[in-house]
Protein backbone atom coordinates (compact mmCIF):
# COMPACT_ATOMS: atom_id res chain seq x y z
CA MET A 1 0.00 -0.01 -0.01
CA ALA A 2 2.79 2.38 1.03
CA LEU A 3 4.75 1.47 -2.09
CA SER A 4 1.68 2.12 -4.27
CA VAL A 5 1.10 5.55 -2.72
CA ARG A 6 4.81 6.37 -3.12
CA ASN A 7 4.70 5.33 -6.80
CA ASN A 8 1.63 7.48 -7.39
CA MET A 9 3.22 10.42 -5.62
CA ASN A 10 6.35 10.04 -7.75
CA ARG A 11 4.24 10.02 -10.94
CA LEU A 12 2.33 13.09 -9.75
CA PHE A 13 5.57 14.89 -8.88
CA GLY A 14 6.99 14.00 -12.33
CA PHE A 15 3.81 15.36 -13.99
CA ILE A 16 4.07 18.61 -12.01
CA GLN A 17 7.74 19.01 -13.04
CA LYS A 18 6.86 18.45 -16.69
CA PHE A 19 3.93 20.89 -16.44
CA ASN A 20 6.08 23.58 -14.82
CA TYR A 21 8.80 23.11 -17.38
CA SER A 22 6.28 23.34 -20.22
CA LYS A 23 4.74 26.43 -18.65
CA ARG A 24 8.17 27.99 -18.18
CA SER A 25 9.03 27.25 -21.82
CA LEU A 26 5.91 29.00 -23.00
CA CYS A 27 6.94 32.09 -21.08
CA THR A 28 10.55 32.24 -22.28
CA SER A 29 10.29 31.00 -25.89
CA VAL A 30 9.13 33.19 -28.74
CA PRO A 31 5.42 32.42 -29.41
CA PRO A 32 4.50 31.72 -33.05
CA ASP A 33 2.80 35.12 -33.53
CA ILE A 34 5.91 36.89 -32.18
CA LYS A 35 8.21 34.96 -34.48
CA ALA A 36 6.03 35.79 -37.46
CA SER A 37 6.12 39.49 -36.58
CA VAL A 38 9.93 39.67 -36.33
CA GLU A 39 10.35 41.08 -39.81
CA SER A 40 12.56 44.04 -40.64
CA ARG A 41 10.87 47.11 -39.24
CA VAL A 42 12.37 50.59 -39.19
CA PHE A 43 11.33 53.31 -36.74
CA SER A 44 12.59 56.87 -36.43
CA GLY A 45 11.28 60.14 -35.11
CA ILE A 46 11.89 63.84 -35.51
CA GLN A 47 10.79 66.68 -33.22
CA PRO A 48 8.44 69.31 -34.61
CA THR A 49 10.79 72.24 -34.38
CA GLY A 50 9.45 73.84 -37.55
CA VAL A 51 11.11 73.49 -40.94
CA PRO A 52 14.27 71.32 -40.97
CA HIS A 53 17.69 72.76 -41.78
CA LEU A 54 20.32 71.45 -44.19
CA GLY A 55 21.94 69.32 -41.49
CA ASN A 56 18.65 67.59 -40.75
CA TYR A 57 18.09 66.98 -44.46
CA LEU A 58 21.51 65.46 -45.16
CA GLY A 59 21.95 63.77 -41.80
CA ALA A 60 18.50 62.13 -41.52
CA LEU A 61 15.77 62.96 -44.04
CA GLU A 62 17.65 62.01 -47.19
CA ASN A 63 18.42 58.66 -45.56
CA TRP A 64 14.77 58.22 -44.49
CA VAL A 65 13.68 58.61 -48.12
CA SER A 66 16.17 55.98 -49.24
CA LEU A 67 15.12 53.52 -46.53
CA GLN A 68 11.52 53.49 -47.85
CA HIS A 69 12.72 51.34 -50.75
CA GLN A 70 14.77 48.92 -48.61
CA TYR A 71 12.47 47.71 -45.80
CA PRO A 72 8.96 46.27 -45.81
CA LEU A 73 7.66 48.32 -42.87
CA ILE A 74 8.78 51.86 -42.06
CA LEU A 75 7.40 54.17 -39.41
CA TYR A 76 8.35 57.84 -39.15
CA SER A 77 6.92 59.78 -36.26
CA ILE A 78 6.68 63.47 -35.52
CA VAL A 79 7.57 63.13 -31.85
CA ASP A 80 5.67 66.00 -30.25
CA LEU A 81 5.76 64.38 -26.79
CA HIS A 82 9.52 64.77 -26.85
CA SER A 83 9.29 68.38 -27.89
CA ILE A 84 7.55 69.51 -24.70
CA THR A 85 10.64 68.72 -22.60
CA GLN A 86 11.32 72.33 -23.58
CA PRO A 87 8.69 75.09 -23.10
CA GLN A 88 6.41 75.33 -26.14
CA ASP A 89 3.81 77.85 -27.22
CA PRO A 90 0.71 75.69 -28.00
CA GLU A 91 -0.24 77.57 -31.16
CA GLN A 92 3.33 77.47 -32.43
CA LEU A 93 3.59 73.76 -31.66
CA ARG A 94 0.46 73.05 -33.70
CA ALA A 95 1.92 75.01 -36.62
CA ASN A 96 5.30 73.27 -36.26
CA ILE A 97 3.74 69.83 -36.42
CA LEU A 98 2.09 70.63 -39.75
CA ASP A 99 5.27 72.38 -41.00
CA MET A 100 7.25 69.24 -40.21
CA ALA A 101 4.67 67.06 -41.98
CA ALA A 102 4.88 69.32 -45.04
CA SER A 103 8.68 69.23 -44.94
CA LEU A 104 8.86 65.43 -44.72
CA LEU A 105 6.45 65.01 -47.62
CA ALA A 106 8.31 67.60 -49.71
CA CYS A 107 11.65 65.84 -49.03
CA GLY A 108 10.22 62.62 -50.44
CA ILE A 109 8.54 60.69 -47.62
CA ASP A 110 5.73 58.69 -49.28
CA PRO A 111 2.73 57.85 -47.06
CA GLU A 112 2.10 54.84 -49.29
CA LYS A 113 5.51 53.38 -48.43
CA ALA A 114 6.02 54.67 -44.87
CA ILE A 115 3.67 55.29 -41.97
CA LEU A 116 3.93 58.98 -41.11
CA PHE A 117 2.16 59.86 -37.86
CA GLN A 118 1.97 62.15 -34.85
CA GLN A 119 3.32 60.49 -31.73
CA SER A 120 0.98 62.06 -29.16
CA GLN A 121 -2.07 60.74 -31.01
CA VAL A 122 -1.03 57.12 -30.24
CA SER A 123 -1.44 56.97 -26.45
CA GLU A 124 0.27 53.58 -26.29
CA HIS A 125 3.64 55.38 -26.46
CA ALA A 126 3.09 57.06 -23.10
CA GLU A 127 1.81 53.93 -21.36
CA LEU A 128 4.65 51.75 -22.54
CA SER A 129 7.12 54.48 -21.51
CA TRP A 130 5.76 54.33 -17.96
CA ILE A 131 6.05 50.53 -17.82
CA LEU A 132 9.61 50.68 -19.17
CA SER A 133 10.55 53.47 -16.77
CA CYS A 134 9.72 51.09 -13.92
CA LEU A 135 12.42 48.75 -15.32
CA THR A 136 15.03 51.50 -15.64
CA SER A 137 17.41 52.60 -12.88
CA MET A 138 18.15 56.27 -12.21
CA PRO A 139 21.92 55.87 -12.57
CA ARG A 140 21.36 54.38 -16.07
CA LEU A 141 19.61 57.60 -17.17
CA ARG A 142 21.97 59.88 -15.29
CA HIS A 143 24.95 58.76 -17.36
CA LEU A 144 23.39 59.41 -20.77
CA PRO A 145 25.34 62.22 -22.49
CA GLN A 146 22.38 64.35 -23.55
CA TRP A 147 21.06 64.65 -20.01
CA LYS A 148 24.45 65.83 -18.85
CA MET A 149 24.72 68.35 -21.62
CA LYS A 150 21.17 69.77 -21.55
CA SER A 151 20.84 69.85 -17.76
CA LYS A 152 24.09 71.81 -17.57
CA GLN A 153 22.78 74.30 -20.13
CA LYS A 154 19.61 74.83 -18.07
CA SER A 155 21.26 74.41 -14.62
CA GLU A 156 18.27 72.18 -13.73
CA GLY A 157 16.47 69.92 -16.18
CA SER A 158 12.87 68.69 -15.95
CA VAL A 159 11.82 65.16 -15.08
CA GLY A 160 10.60 64.86 -18.69
CA LEU A 161 14.09 65.71 -19.98
CA TYR A 162 15.59 63.18 -17.59
CA THR A 163 13.32 60.32 -18.63
CA TYR A 164 12.80 61.10 -22.33
CA PRO A 165 15.31 58.37 -23.36
CA VAL A 166 12.82 55.88 -21.89
CA LEU A 167 10.10 57.38 -24.06
CA GLN A 168 12.49 56.97 -27.00
CA ALA A 169 12.88 53.31 -26.13
CA ALA A 170 9.10 52.96 -25.91
CA ASP A 171 8.69 54.58 -29.36
CA ILE A 172 11.02 51.98 -30.78
CA LEU A 173 9.89 48.86 -28.95
CA LEU A 174 6.17 49.56 -29.32
CA TYR A 175 6.39 48.59 -32.99
CA LYS A 176 8.90 45.75 -32.47
CA SER A 177 11.35 47.73 -34.55
CA THR A 178 14.43 45.87 -35.71
CA HIS A 179 16.33 48.86 -37.13
CA VAL A 180 16.67 52.51 -36.11
CA PRO A 181 18.46 55.15 -38.19
CA VAL A 182 20.33 57.34 -35.71
CA GLY A 183 23.16 59.83 -35.56
CA GLU A 184 26.31 59.01 -33.59
CA ASP A 185 25.12 61.20 -30.69
CA GLN A 186 22.02 58.97 -30.28
CA VAL A 187 23.74 55.59 -30.20
CA GLN A 188 23.75 55.39 -26.39
CA HIS A 189 20.00 56.09 -26.32
CA LEU A 190 19.47 53.16 -28.72
CA GLU A 191 21.60 51.03 -26.38
CA LEU A 192 19.09 51.88 -23.64
CA ALA A 193 16.26 50.53 -25.91
CA GLN A 194 18.27 47.36 -26.44
CA ASP A 195 18.82 46.98 -22.68
CA LEU A 196 15.15 47.49 -21.93
CA ALA A 197 14.14 44.91 -24.57
CA ARG A 198 16.46 42.39 -22.86
CA ILE A 199 15.25 43.30 -19.36
CA PHE A 200 11.54 43.04 -20.31
CA ASN A 201 12.10 39.76 -22.24
CA HIS A 202 14.04 38.22 -19.32
CA ARG A 203 11.39 39.18 -16.75
CA PHE A 204 8.17 38.64 -18.74
CA GLY A 205 9.10 36.31 -21.66
CA ASP A 206 10.33 37.13 -25.14
CA LEU A 207 8.37 39.82 -26.85
CA PHE A 208 10.62 42.58 -28.17
CA PRO A 209 13.44 42.15 -30.74
CA GLU A 210 16.63 44.06 -29.93
CA PRO A 211 16.82 46.95 -32.42
CA HIS A 212 19.96 47.58 -34.43
CA THR A 213 21.49 50.90 -35.43
CA LEU A 214 21.46 52.21 -38.98
CA LEU A 215 24.18 54.85 -38.98
CA SER A 216 24.06 57.46 -41.76
CA SER A 217 27.14 57.52 -43.98
CA THR A 218 26.78 61.32 -44.42
CA ARG A 219 29.21 63.42 -42.47
CA LYS A 220 27.79 65.89 -40.00
CA VAL A 221 27.10 69.33 -41.43
CA LYS A 222 28.75 72.03 -39.37
CA SER A 223 27.73 75.55 -38.53
CA LEU A 224 28.67 78.00 -41.29
CA ARG A 225 29.89 80.47 -38.63
CA ASP A 226 31.56 78.05 -36.22
CA PRO A 227 32.61 74.84 -37.97
CA SER A 228 33.64 73.29 -34.63
CA THR A 229 29.92 72.81 -33.84
CA LYS A 230 27.19 71.07 -35.81
CA MET A 231 24.55 73.08 -37.70
CA SER A 232 21.64 73.80 -35.39
CA LYS A 233 18.33 75.57 -35.56
CA SER A 234 18.97 77.00 -32.08
CA ASP A 235 22.18 78.70 -33.16
CA PRO A 236 21.88 82.36 -32.17
CA HIS A 237 23.76 83.45 -35.33
CA HIS A 238 21.25 83.69 -38.18
CA MET A 239 23.93 83.16 -40.81
CA ALA A 240 25.13 79.86 -39.33
CA THR A 241 22.22 77.68 -40.51
CA ILE A 242 20.62 77.03 -43.89
CA SER A 243 16.91 76.20 -43.71
CA ILE A 244 15.50 74.01 -46.46
CA THR A 245 13.01 76.84 -47.19
CA ASP A 246 15.66 79.54 -47.56
CA SER A 247 15.49 81.52 -50.81
CA PRO A 248 18.35 81.23 -53.32
CA ASP A 249 19.53 84.74 -52.31
CA ASP A 250 19.57 83.78 -48.61
CA ILE A 251 21.47 80.60 -49.36
CA ALA A 252 24.03 82.51 -51.47
CA LEU A 253 24.53 85.11 -48.71
CA LYS A 254 25.00 82.52 -45.98
CA ILE A 255 27.49 80.46 -47.98
CA ARG A 256 29.33 83.58 -49.13
CA ARG A 257 29.82 84.60 -45.47
CA ALA A 258 30.74 81.07 -44.30
CA VAL A 259 33.89 80.94 -42.20
CA THR A 260 36.92 79.51 -44.05
CA ASP A 261 40.59 80.47 -43.60
CA PHE A 262 43.44 82.38 -45.26
CA THR A 263 44.43 79.64 -47.73
CA SER A 264 42.75 80.06 -51.07
CA GLU A 265 43.14 76.46 -52.36
CA VAL A 266 40.28 74.07 -51.70
CA THR A 267 41.27 70.93 -49.79
CA PHE A 268 39.51 68.49 -47.50
CA ASP A 269 41.17 68.51 -44.08
CA PRO A 270 38.54 68.59 -41.26
CA ASP A 271 41.11 68.82 -38.47
CA ASN A 272 43.14 71.72 -39.87
CA ARG A 273 40.71 73.35 -42.22
CA PRO A 274 37.23 72.74 -40.74
CA GLY A 275 35.47 75.62 -42.51
CA VAL A 276 36.55 74.72 -46.03
CA SER A 277 36.04 71.01 -45.32
CA ASN A 278 32.47 71.76 -44.21
CA LEU A 279 31.78 73.39 -47.58
CA VAL A 280 33.27 70.36 -49.34
CA THR A 281 31.03 68.06 -47.28
CA ILE A 282 27.93 70.13 -48.26
CA HIS A 283 28.95 70.30 -51.91
CA ALA A 284 29.66 66.55 -52.13
CA ALA A 285 26.34 65.61 -50.43
CA MET A 286 24.15 68.03 -52.38
CA ALA A 287 25.79 67.31 -55.75
CA GLN A 288 25.84 63.55 -54.94
CA LEU A 289 29.60 63.32 -55.38
CA SER A 290 32.33 61.72 -53.35
CA VAL A 291 34.51 64.08 -51.32
CA GLU A 292 37.38 63.35 -53.76
CA GLU A 293 35.22 64.28 -56.76
CA ALA A 294 34.08 67.50 -55.04
CA VAL A 295 37.69 68.49 -54.36
CA SER A 296 38.60 67.64 -57.95
CA GLN A 297 35.81 69.94 -59.25
CA ALA A 298 37.28 72.73 -57.13
CA LYS A 299 40.74 72.41 -58.66
CA GLY A 300 42.01 75.79 -59.74
CA MET A 301 39.36 77.68 -57.77
CA ASP A 302 39.92 79.89 -54.75
CA THR A 303 37.47 79.62 -51.85
CA GLY A 304 35.40 82.59 -53.16
CA ALA A 305 34.78 80.88 -56.47
CA TYR A 306 34.20 77.57 -54.77
CA LYS A 307 31.50 79.07 -52.56
CA ARG A 308 29.58 79.94 -55.68
CA LEU A 309 29.81 76.35 -56.88
CA VAL A 310 28.55 75.13 -53.49
CA THR A 311 25.71 77.61 -53.62
CA GLU A 312 24.65 76.37 -57.04
CA ALA A 313 24.54 72.74 -55.81
CA VAL A 314 22.54 73.67 -52.68
CA VAL A 315 20.03 75.85 -54.53
CA GLN A 316 19.48 73.24 -57.22
CA ARG A 317 18.57 70.56 -54.63
CA LEU A 318 16.52 72.72 -52.26
CA THR A 319 14.48 74.81 -54.70
CA PRO A 320 11.94 72.04 -55.59
CA ILE A 321 11.67 71.11 -51.91
CA ARG A 322 11.00 74.71 -50.89
CA GLU A 323 8.36 75.09 -53.61
CA GLU A 324 6.64 71.85 -52.56
CA ILE A 325 6.58 72.88 -48.91
CA GLU A 326 4.92 76.16 -49.85
CA ARG A 327 2.31 74.23 -51.87
CA LEU A 328 1.60 71.82 -49.04
CA ARG A 329 1.41 74.53 -46.40
CA ALA A 330 -1.48 76.03 -48.32
CA ASP A 331 -3.41 72.71 -48.05
CA ARG A 332 -3.74 72.26 -44.26
CA SER A 333 -6.57 69.69 -44.60
CA HIS A 334 -4.34 67.44 -46.72
CA LEU A 335 -1.57 67.49 -44.12
CA GLU A 336 -4.04 66.74 -41.31
CA SER A 337 -5.49 63.88 -43.39
CA VAL A 338 -2.04 62.33 -44.01
CA LEU A 339 -1.22 62.45 -40.32
CA PHE A 340 -4.64 61.07 -39.32
CA GLN A 341 -4.36 58.10 -41.69
CA GLY A 342 -0.80 57.43 -40.54
CA THR A 343 -1.88 57.58 -36.91
CA GLN A 344 -4.63 55.03 -37.58
CA LYS A 345 -2.10 52.66 -39.15
CA ALA A 346 0.35 53.16 -36.29
CA ARG A 347 -2.34 52.50 -33.72
CA GLN A 348 -3.31 49.25 -35.43
CA LEU A 349 0.28 48.08 -34.92
CA ALA A 350 0.68 49.48 -31.39
CA THR A 351 -2.60 48.31 -29.79
CA PRO A 352 -2.00 44.54 -29.89
CA VAL A 353 1.61 44.95 -28.69
CA LEU A 354 0.60 47.03 -25.69
CA LYS A 355 -2.29 44.63 -24.98
CA GLU A 356 0.29 41.81 -24.76
CA VAL A 357 2.56 43.93 -22.59
CA ARG A 358 -0.31 44.72 -20.21
CA HIS A 359 -1.18 41.02 -19.93
CA ARG A 360 2.40 39.96 -19.25
CA VAL A 361 2.95 42.65 -16.65
CA GLY A 362 -0.27 41.57 -14.89
CA PHE A 363 -2.64 44.41 -15.58
CA CYS A 364 -5.23 42.12 -17.23
């Protein structure tokens, strides 16, 4: 009798072990629907700071247009939630969102090939950000370079500025993105998204792929007045930055007054001749040449004559973009429609992912 009970207990214990192992496997292996969804997906975002400048165009937007033809699913977001880490005038923010939409469309973003949407209209971003923030330590955020830089500039940064890298991670992971085009200064923020994907998967079972960087091959465009810093919309010197809506006369004036040096010959030497090298970078990118080809075209020219050649290349590329932005700005309802349709598509992708996240965390 005792032996029979013992044998039955052993069989029951063996069954429980097998059940627990099977249950544990279901939690840690990639479910079939997750495997099927791990296709190449690209996500990137841009803040609605008005019309982009030349550095934005060459450093990000030109690459975004190219990626549309390389990946099956692309999402580009106007990340207005990120923009309010700095004080914003509500009316100006509304205008900037539409200006950014017009700029992206004019630069070549095709809503039939990429999902273009407004971040704040997909509430799943904010909820996933909160969940991920509960998996993120304060020291991890404190060591990110942009927090150090921006908090020093303002003496005291906001909580939103401190935690916005977590929102960036949520933006990426919400769509199970596999690739993210970033600049070199954003690589550490993408590493946070990779870490959070690993942490969530380890704690709650595999759900998120770890996203990979897509670094742009274009060199950074520098300020025309101070080539030791990158071109920026916030530069206090009006002549330092070329907007993609600048007129040909404005472009010519800014390039004519660009800082160079006392050597008339055109060479490419970023360390010793940053001003001239910046012009070569701009010329090569806008004329779709290699740096060597751009320098070869400048042979026999002094920097004054070369500036005219650079101006011609910039004006030729930006004129159709400027004209298209002006046309789109006049059709506000079209811009709103494009963003609305993109938001609907983005929400269709985001809703089931957040539903699964909520279930795994224990909310439902």
